[in-house]
Amino acid sequence: MLGGSKGWSKIWVDAVPTAAYPRFVDGALCCPPEDVGSIPGFYEAIGDPKHPDHEDRIDWYGGIFDPEHIDLDRIYKDLGRIAARRQRAAAKRTR
């Protein structure tokens, strides 16, 4: 589990001996942004336009937060950086 300031994200990692680096397989729901207070409170306020904190949360976040949106471009970019770092380390070990 990965920890944020107030919440946790679950990730599952399976060992694949033939894989050279981590790969993204699937995902469901994104975590709320850092420093939002409680996760249930954030979802309640951002998901209910009639909630007294709704506009403040939208302004703070900078727009509509969609928990169903998974930023695949960012995931692939981050995993690409991990892969490149591992490949450089492997190349140094073989010299």
N, C-alpha and C. Protein backbone atom coordinates (compact mmCIF):
# COMPACT_ATOMS: atom_id res chain seq x y z
N MET A 1 0.84 -1.18 0.00
CA MET A 1 0.00 0.00 0.00
C MET A 1 0.88 1.24 0.00
N LEU A 2 0.48 2.20 -0.74
CA LEU A 2 1.19 3.46 -0.81
C LEU A 2 0.43 4.48 0.01
N GLY A 3 1.13 5.24 0.81
CA GLY A 3 0.47 6.21 1.67
C GLY A 3 0.55 7.61 1.13
N GLY A 4 -0.55 8.31 1.23
CA GLY A 4 -0.58 9.73 0.96
C GLY A 4 -0.59 10.44 2.30
N SER A 5 -0.90 11.70 2.30
CA SER A 5 -0.90 12.43 3.56
C SER A 5 -2.03 11.98 4.47
N LYS A 6 -3.15 11.62 3.92
CA LYS A 6 -4.30 11.23 4.73
C LYS A 6 -4.93 9.91 4.28
N GLY A 7 -4.43 9.32 3.24
CA GLY A 7 -5.08 8.13 2.73
C GLY A 7 -4.09 7.11 2.20
N TRP A 8 -4.62 6.01 1.71
CA TRP A 8 -3.79 4.93 1.21
C TRP A 8 -4.28 4.48 -0.14
N SER A 9 -3.37 4.03 -0.95
CA SER A 9 -3.70 3.44 -2.24
C SER A 9 -3.21 2.01 -2.22
N LYS A 10 -4.00 1.12 -2.73
CA LYS A 10 -3.58 -0.27 -2.80
C LYS A 10 -3.00 -0.55 -4.17
N ILE A 11 -1.87 -1.21 -4.18
CA ILE A 11 -1.32 -1.69 -5.44
C ILE A 11 -0.98 -3.17 -5.25
N TRP A 12 -1.13 -3.91 -6.30
CA TRP A 12 -0.77 -5.31 -6.27
C TRP A 12 0.40 -5.49 -7.21
N VAL A 13 1.39 -6.22 -6.75
CA VAL A 13 2.57 -6.47 -7.55
C VAL A 13 2.74 -7.98 -7.65
N ASP A 14 2.76 -8.47 -8.86
CA ASP A 14 3.01 -9.88 -9.10
C ASP A 14 4.39 -10.03 -9.71
N ALA A 15 5.12 -11.01 -9.24
CA ALA A 15 6.44 -11.27 -9.81
C ALA A 15 6.27 -11.98 -11.15
N VAL A 16 6.90 -11.41 -12.15
CA VAL A 16 6.91 -12.01 -13.48
C VAL A 16 8.37 -12.14 -13.88
N PRO A 17 8.94 -13.34 -13.74
CA PRO A 17 10.37 -13.50 -13.97
C PRO A 17 10.86 -13.02 -15.33
N THR A 18 10.00 -13.06 -16.35
CA THR A 18 10.45 -12.66 -17.69
C THR A 18 10.30 -11.17 -17.94
N ALA A 19 9.68 -10.44 -17.01
CA ALA A 19 9.49 -9.00 -17.20
C ALA A 19 10.76 -8.26 -16.82
N ALA A 20 11.18 -7.36 -17.69
CA ALA A 20 12.38 -6.57 -17.44
C ALA A 20 12.11 -5.40 -16.50
N TYR A 21 10.88 -4.97 -16.41
CA TYR A 21 10.53 -3.83 -15.57
C TYR A 21 9.02 -3.86 -15.29
N PRO A 22 8.54 -3.05 -14.37
CA PRO A 22 7.11 -3.07 -14.04
C PRO A 22 6.23 -2.68 -15.23
N ARG A 23 5.06 -3.27 -15.25
CA ARG A 23 4.08 -2.96 -16.29
C ARG A 23 2.74 -2.69 -15.64
N PHE A 24 2.01 -1.74 -16.18
CA PHE A 24 0.66 -1.45 -15.73
C PHE A 24 -0.30 -2.40 -16.43
N VAL A 25 -1.14 -3.07 -15.65
CA VAL A 25 -2.08 -4.02 -16.22
C VAL A 25 -3.50 -3.49 -16.17
N ASP A 26 -3.91 -2.96 -15.02
CA ASP A 26 -5.28 -2.52 -14.87
C ASP A 26 -5.40 -1.60 -13.67
N GLY A 27 -6.44 -0.82 -13.62
CA GLY A 27 -6.66 0.06 -12.49
C GLY A 27 -8.13 0.42 -12.36
N ALA A 28 -8.50 0.89 -11.18
CA ALA A 28 -9.87 1.32 -10.93
C ALA A 28 -9.84 2.44 -9.91
N LEU A 29 -10.41 3.55 -10.26
CA LEU A 29 -10.50 4.73 -9.40
C LEU A 29 -9.13 5.32 -9.06
N CYS A 30 -9.05 6.60 -9.14
CA CYS A 30 -7.82 7.27 -8.74
C CYS A 30 -7.97 7.80 -7.32
N CYS A 31 -6.86 8.00 -6.68
CA CYS A 31 -6.87 8.54 -5.32
C CYS A 31 -7.18 10.03 -5.36
N PRO A 32 -7.75 10.53 -4.29
CA PRO A 32 -7.92 11.99 -4.24
C PRO A 32 -6.55 12.65 -4.13
N PRO A 33 -6.46 13.91 -4.47
CA PRO A 33 -5.18 14.61 -4.38
C PRO A 33 -4.69 14.72 -2.94
N GLU A 34 -3.41 15.02 -2.79
CA GLU A 34 -2.81 15.19 -1.46
C GLU A 34 -3.47 16.33 -0.69
N ASP A 35 -3.41 16.24 0.61
CA ASP A 35 -3.82 17.31 1.52
C ASP A 35 -5.27 17.76 1.34
N VAL A 36 -6.18 16.80 1.20
CA VAL A 36 -7.59 17.16 1.04
C VAL A 36 -8.39 16.96 2.32
N GLY A 37 -7.73 16.54 3.37
CA GLY A 37 -8.47 16.20 4.58
C GLY A 37 -8.86 14.74 4.48
N SER A 38 -10.02 14.40 4.98
CA SER A 38 -10.44 13.00 4.93
C SER A 38 -10.90 12.62 3.53
N ILE A 39 -10.65 11.40 3.15
CA ILE A 39 -11.06 10.94 1.82
C ILE A 39 -12.58 10.94 1.70
N PRO A 40 -13.33 10.37 2.67
CA PRO A 40 -14.79 10.43 2.52
C PRO A 40 -15.32 11.86 2.47
N GLY A 41 -14.75 12.75 3.27
CA GLY A 41 -15.18 14.15 3.26
C GLY A 41 -14.92 14.81 1.92
N PHE A 42 -13.77 14.51 1.32
CA PHE A 42 -13.43 15.08 0.02
C PHE A 42 -14.44 14.62 -1.03
N TYR A 43 -14.69 13.31 -1.09
CA TYR A 43 -15.63 12.79 -2.09
C TYR A 43 -17.03 13.33 -1.86
N GLU A 44 -17.42 13.45 -0.60
CA GLU A 44 -18.74 13.98 -0.29
C GLU A 44 -18.87 15.42 -0.78
N ALA A 45 -17.88 16.25 -0.48
CA ALA A 45 -17.94 17.66 -0.85
C ALA A 45 -17.81 17.87 -2.35
N ILE A 46 -16.92 17.13 -2.99
CA ILE A 46 -16.68 17.36 -4.41
C ILE A 46 -17.79 16.73 -5.27
N GLY A 47 -18.42 15.70 -4.73
CA GLY A 47 -19.43 15.00 -5.51
C GLY A 47 -20.84 15.56 -5.38
N ASP A 48 -21.03 16.47 -4.43
CA ASP A 48 -22.37 17.00 -4.19
C ASP A 48 -22.37 18.51 -4.39
N PRO A 49 -22.91 18.99 -5.52
CA PRO A 49 -22.91 20.43 -5.78
C PRO A 49 -23.62 21.25 -4.71
N LYS A 50 -24.47 20.63 -3.92
CA LYS A 50 -25.19 21.35 -2.86
C LYS A 50 -24.42 21.37 -1.54
N HIS A 51 -23.31 20.63 -1.47
CA HIS A 51 -22.51 20.58 -0.24
C HIS A 51 -21.90 21.96 0.01
N PRO A 52 -21.89 22.43 1.28
CA PRO A 52 -21.37 23.77 1.56
C PRO A 52 -19.90 23.99 1.17
N ASP A 53 -19.10 22.90 1.11
CA ASP A 53 -17.69 23.03 0.74
C ASP A 53 -17.41 22.71 -0.73
N HIS A 54 -18.46 22.44 -1.50
CA HIS A 54 -18.27 22.01 -2.88
C HIS A 54 -17.45 23.01 -3.71
N GLU A 55 -17.85 24.24 -3.74
CA GLU A 55 -17.14 25.24 -4.55
C GLU A 55 -15.71 25.44 -4.08
N ASP A 56 -15.49 25.43 -2.77
CA ASP A 56 -14.13 25.56 -2.24
C ASP A 56 -13.25 24.41 -2.70
N ARG A 57 -13.78 23.19 -2.68
CA ARG A 57 -13.00 22.02 -3.11
C ARG A 57 -12.69 22.09 -4.60
N ILE A 58 -13.68 22.50 -5.40
CA ILE A 58 -13.46 22.63 -6.85
C ILE A 58 -12.39 23.68 -7.11
N ASP A 59 -12.48 24.82 -6.44
CA ASP A 59 -11.47 25.88 -6.61
C ASP A 59 -10.11 25.40 -6.16
N TRP A 60 -10.05 24.73 -5.01
CA TRP A 60 -8.76 24.25 -4.47
C TRP A 60 -8.12 23.26 -5.43
N TYR A 61 -8.93 22.34 -5.95
CA TYR A 61 -8.40 21.31 -6.84
C TYR A 61 -8.06 21.89 -8.21
N GLY A 62 -8.76 22.91 -8.61
CA GLY A 62 -8.49 23.54 -9.90
C GLY A 62 -9.41 23.05 -11.00
N GLY A 63 -10.50 22.42 -10.63
CA GLY A 63 -11.45 21.93 -11.62
C GLY A 63 -12.21 20.74 -11.07
N ILE A 64 -12.94 20.11 -11.94
CA ILE A 64 -13.74 18.95 -11.53
C ILE A 64 -12.81 17.77 -11.30
N PHE A 65 -13.01 17.07 -10.19
CA PHE A 65 -12.25 15.86 -9.88
C PHE A 65 -13.10 14.66 -10.24
N ASP A 66 -12.59 13.81 -11.10
CA ASP A 66 -13.32 12.61 -11.52
C ASP A 66 -12.58 11.38 -10.99
N PRO A 67 -13.10 10.75 -9.93
CA PRO A 67 -12.41 9.60 -9.35
C PRO A 67 -12.35 8.41 -10.30
N GLU A 68 -13.17 8.41 -11.35
CA GLU A 68 -13.15 7.31 -12.31
C GLU A 68 -12.03 7.48 -13.35
N HIS A 69 -11.45 8.68 -13.41
CA HIS A 69 -10.40 8.94 -14.41
C HIS A 69 -9.06 8.43 -13.89
N ILE A 70 -8.44 7.59 -14.67
CA ILE A 70 -7.10 7.11 -14.36
C ILE A 70 -6.18 7.71 -15.42
N ASP A 71 -5.16 8.42 -14.97
CA ASP A 71 -4.26 9.12 -15.88
C ASP A 71 -3.24 8.13 -16.46
N LEU A 72 -3.64 7.45 -17.52
CA LEU A 72 -2.78 6.43 -18.13
C LEU A 72 -1.49 7.02 -18.66
N ASP A 73 -1.55 8.22 -19.23
CA ASP A 73 -0.33 8.84 -19.74
C ASP A 73 0.69 9.00 -18.63
N ARG A 74 0.25 9.46 -17.46
CA ARG A 74 1.18 9.64 -16.34
C ARG A 74 1.70 8.29 -15.86
N ILE A 75 0.84 7.29 -15.77
CA ILE A 75 1.27 5.96 -15.34
C ILE A 75 2.35 5.43 -16.27
N TYR A 76 2.09 5.49 -17.58
CA TYR A 76 3.08 4.99 -18.54
C TYR A 76 4.37 5.80 -18.51
N LYS A 77 4.26 7.10 -18.34
CA LYS A 77 5.46 7.94 -18.24
C LYS A 77 6.28 7.57 -17.01
N ASP A 78 5.61 7.44 -15.86
CA ASP A 78 6.32 7.08 -14.62
C ASP A 78 6.96 5.70 -14.73
N LEU A 79 6.23 4.73 -15.29
CA LEU A 79 6.81 3.40 -15.47
C LEU A 79 7.95 3.41 -16.48
N GLY A 80 7.85 4.27 -17.48
CA GLY A 80 8.94 4.41 -18.45
C GLY A 80 10.21 4.93 -17.80
N ARG A 81 10.06 5.88 -16.86
CA ARG A 81 11.23 6.38 -16.13
C ARG A 81 11.86 5.28 -15.28
N ILE A 82 11.01 4.47 -14.64
CA ILE A 82 11.53 3.35 -13.84
C ILE A 82 12.27 2.37 -14.74
N ALA A 83 11.68 2.06 -15.90
CA ALA A 83 12.31 1.13 -16.83
C ALA A 83 13.65 1.66 -17.31
N ALA A 84 13.70 2.93 -17.66
CA ALA A 84 14.96 3.52 -18.14
C ALA A 84 16.02 3.48 -17.06
N ARG A 85 15.64 3.78 -15.83
CA ARG A 85 16.60 3.75 -14.72
C ARG A 85 17.12 2.33 -14.50
N ARG A 86 16.23 1.34 -14.57
CA ARG A 86 16.65 -0.05 -14.39
C ARG A 86 17.56 -0.50 -15.53
N GLN A 87 17.25 -0.07 -16.75
CA GLN A 87 18.09 -0.44 -17.89
C GLN A 87 19.48 0.17 -17.78
N ARG A 88 19.56 1.43 -17.32
CA ARG A 88 20.87 2.06 -17.13
C ARG A 88 21.67 1.33 -16.06
N ALA A 89 20.99 0.96 -14.96
CA ALA A 89 21.68 0.24 -13.88
C ALA A 89 22.17 -1.12 -14.36
N ALA A 90 21.34 -1.80 -15.14
CA ALA A 90 21.73 -3.11 -15.67
C ALA A 90 22.91 -2.98 -16.61
N ALA A 91 22.94 -1.93 -17.43
CA ALA A 91 24.04 -1.71 -18.36
C ALA A 91 25.35 -1.45 -17.60
N LYS A 92 25.28 -0.72 -16.49
CA LYS A 92 26.48 -0.47 -15.70
C LYS A 92 27.02 -1.74 -15.08
N ARG A 93 26.11 -2.64 -14.67
CA ARG A 93 26.54 -3.89 -14.04
C ARG A 93 27.22 -4.82 -15.04
N THR A 94 26.91 -4.70 -16.32
CA THR A 94 27.49 -5.61 -17.32
C THR A 94 28.80 -5.09 -17.90
N ARG A 95 29.19 -3.90 -17.51
CA ARG A 95 30.46 -3.36 -18.04
C ARG A 95 31.63 -3.95 -17.34
